[in-house]
Amino acid sequence: MQLERVGDAMVRMTLYEAANVILSRVTRFSSLKRWALDVAKRRGLKRAKVALARKLATVLHRMWVDGTSFRWGKQGVVAAG
């Protein structure tokens, strides 16, 4: 089943490329990379890249709305409330 792609093609491409770089070139640990590698074990690398690109989009949107900075790992996560 082929799904219709929505949204800006350049943004989709950039998010996919960012996911590719995180999975293939970044050596520093992050919870996003660990999550994507777990997805890759279950579903394959291509789907993991798409899933990571989608997750990056949600993280970046939240950072944009909140005005926060990205924190590597989980130690810096603070509950909003």
C-alpha atoms as a PDB file:
ATOM      1  CA  MET A   1       0.000   0.000   0.000  1.00  0.00           C
ATOM      2  CA  GLN A   2       1.529   3.295  -1.095  1.00  0.00           C
ATOM      3  CA  LEU A   3       0.619   6.328   0.986  1.00  0.00           C
ATOM      4  CA  GLU A   4       0.386   9.809  -0.451  1.00  0.00           C
ATOM      5  CA  ARG A   5       3.188  12.098   0.666  1.00  0.00           C
ATOM      6  CA  VAL A   6       2.085  15.378   2.176  1.00  0.00           C
ATOM      7  CA  GLY A   7       3.969  18.481   3.240  1.00  0.00           C
ATOM      8  CA  ASP A   8       6.898  20.325   1.763  1.00  0.00           C
ATOM      9  CA  ALA A   9       9.176  17.997  -0.213  1.00  0.00           C
ATOM     10  CA  MET A  10      12.329  19.895   0.776  1.00  0.00           C
ATOM     11  CA  VAL A  11      11.474  19.642   4.483  1.00  0.00           C
ATOM     12  CA  ARG A  12      10.777  15.911   4.141  1.00  0.00           C
ATOM     13  CA  MET A  13      14.071  15.404   2.334  1.00  0.00           C
ATOM     14  CA  THR A  14      16.010  17.423   4.916  1.00  0.00           C
ATOM     15  CA  LEU A  15      14.481  15.516   7.842  1.00  0.00           C
ATOM     16  CA  TYR A  16      15.271  12.199   6.131  1.00  0.00           C
ATOM     17  CA  GLU A  17      18.866  13.289   5.515  1.00  0.00           C
ATOM     18  CA  ALA A  18      19.205  14.383   9.151  1.00  0.00           C
ATOM     19  CA  ALA A  19      17.936  10.971  10.251  1.00  0.00           C
ATOM     20  CA  ASN A  20      20.416   9.307   7.915  1.00  0.00           C
ATOM     21  CA  VAL A  21      23.295  11.313   9.388  1.00  0.00           C
ATOM     22  CA  ILE A  22      22.237  10.544  12.956  1.00  0.00           C
ATOM     23  CA  LEU A  23      22.120   6.834  12.194  1.00  0.00           C
ATOM     24  CA  SER A  24      25.268   6.608  10.090  1.00  0.00           C
ATOM     25  CA  ARG A  25      27.760   9.305  11.114  1.00  0.00           C
ATOM     26  CA  VAL A  26      27.030  10.644  14.592  1.00  0.00           C
ATOM     27  CA  THR A  27      29.007   8.699  17.198  1.00  0.00           C
ATOM     28  CA  ARG A  28      27.716  10.517  20.271  1.00  0.00           C
ATOM     29  CA  PHE A  29      24.924   8.724  22.162  1.00  0.00           C
ATOM     30  CA  SER A  30      21.394  10.080  22.088  1.00  0.00           C
ATOM     31  CA  SER A  31      18.088   8.543  23.082  1.00  0.00           C
ATOM     32  CA  LEU A  32      16.780   9.325  19.572  1.00  0.00           C
ATOM     33  CA  LYS A  33      19.548   7.267  17.982  1.00  0.00           C
ATOM     34  CA  ARG A  34      19.006   4.364  20.393  1.00  0.00           C
ATOM     35  CA  TRP A  35      15.267   4.420  19.643  1.00  0.00           C
ATOM     36  CA  ALA A  36      15.874   4.453  15.874  1.00  0.00           C
ATOM     37  CA  LEU A  37      18.360   1.571  16.095  1.00  0.00           C
ATOM     38  CA  ASP A  38      15.740  -0.467  17.958  1.00  0.00           C
ATOM     39  CA  VAL A  39      13.243   0.304  15.187  1.00  0.00           C
ATOM     40  CA  ALA A  40      15.863  -0.711  12.590  1.00  0.00           C
ATOM     41  CA  LYS A  41      16.296  -4.099  14.253  1.00  0.00           C
ATOM     42  CA  ARG A  42      12.559  -4.751  14.071  1.00  0.00           C
ATOM     43  CA  ARG A  43      11.526  -3.099  10.799  1.00  0.00           C
ATOM     44  CA  GLY A  44      14.652  -2.376   8.737  1.00  0.00           C
ATOM     45  CA  LEU A  45      16.944   0.600   8.258  1.00  0.00           C
ATOM     46  CA  LYS A  46      14.843   2.457   5.664  1.00  0.00           C
ATOM     47  CA  ARG A  47      11.755   2.449   7.864  1.00  0.00           C
ATOM     48  CA  ALA A  48      13.857   3.432  10.860  1.00  0.00           C
ATOM     49  CA  LYS A  49      15.123   6.480   8.956  1.00  0.00           C
ATOM     50  CA  VAL A  50      11.576   7.511   8.070  1.00  0.00           C
ATOM     51  CA  ALA A  51      10.435   6.962  11.656  1.00  0.00           C
ATOM     52  CA  LEU A  52      13.377   8.965  13.009  1.00  0.00           C
ATOM     53  CA  ALA A  53      12.684  11.764  10.516  1.00  0.00           C
ATOM     54  CA  ARG A  54       9.097  11.938  11.749  1.00  0.00           C
ATOM     55  CA  LYS A  55      10.228  11.922  15.382  1.00  0.00           C
ATOM     56  CA  LEU A  56      12.767  14.673  14.611  1.00  0.00           C
ATOM     57  CA  ALA A  57       9.957  16.743  13.119  1.00  0.00           C
ATOM     58  CA  THR A  58       7.907  16.456  16.311  1.00  0.00           C
ATOM     59  CA  VAL A  59      10.916  17.236  18.525  1.00  0.00           C
ATOM     60  CA  LEU A  60      11.872  20.247  16.412  1.00  0.00           C
ATOM     61  CA  HIS A  61       8.288  21.507  16.407  1.00  0.00           C
ATOM     62  CA  ARG A  62       8.106  21.220  20.197  1.00  0.00           C
ATOM     63  CA  MET A  63      11.457  23.036  20.541  1.00  0.00           C
ATOM     64  CA  TRP A  64      10.164  25.763  18.236  1.00  0.00           C
ATOM     65  CA  VAL A  65       6.933  26.197  20.215  1.00  0.00           C
ATOM     66  CA  ASP A  66       8.639  26.078  23.649  1.00  0.00           C
ATOM     67  CA  GLY A  67      11.802  27.935  22.675  1.00  0.00           C
ATOM     68  CA  THR A  68      13.925  25.220  24.314  1.00  0.00           C
ATOM     69  CA  SER A  69      17.269  23.751  23.268  1.00  0.00           C
ATOM     70  CA  PHE A  70      17.990  20.136  22.375  1.00  0.00           C
ATOM     71  CA  ARG A  71      19.578  18.059  25.155  1.00  0.00           C
ATOM     72  CA  TRP A  72      21.545  14.909  24.363  1.00  0.00           C
ATOM     73  CA  GLY A  73      20.314  11.854  26.284  1.00  0.00           C
ATOM     74  CA  LYS A  74      17.555  11.749  28.871  1.00  0.00           C
ATOM     75  CA  GLN A  75      19.327  13.306  31.872  1.00  0.00           C
ATOM     76  CA  GLY A  76      18.283  16.829  30.894  1.00  0.00           C
ATOM     77  CA  VAL A  77      14.580  16.122  30.372  1.00  0.00           C
ATOM     78  CA  VAL A  78      12.338  18.129  32.689  1.00  0.00           C
ATOM     79  CA  ALA A  79       8.598  17.502  32.921  1.00  0.00           C
ATOM     80  CA  ALA A  80       6.498  20.439  31.793  1.00  0.00           C
ATOM     81  CA  GLY A  81       3.811  21.446  34.128  1.00  0.00           C
END
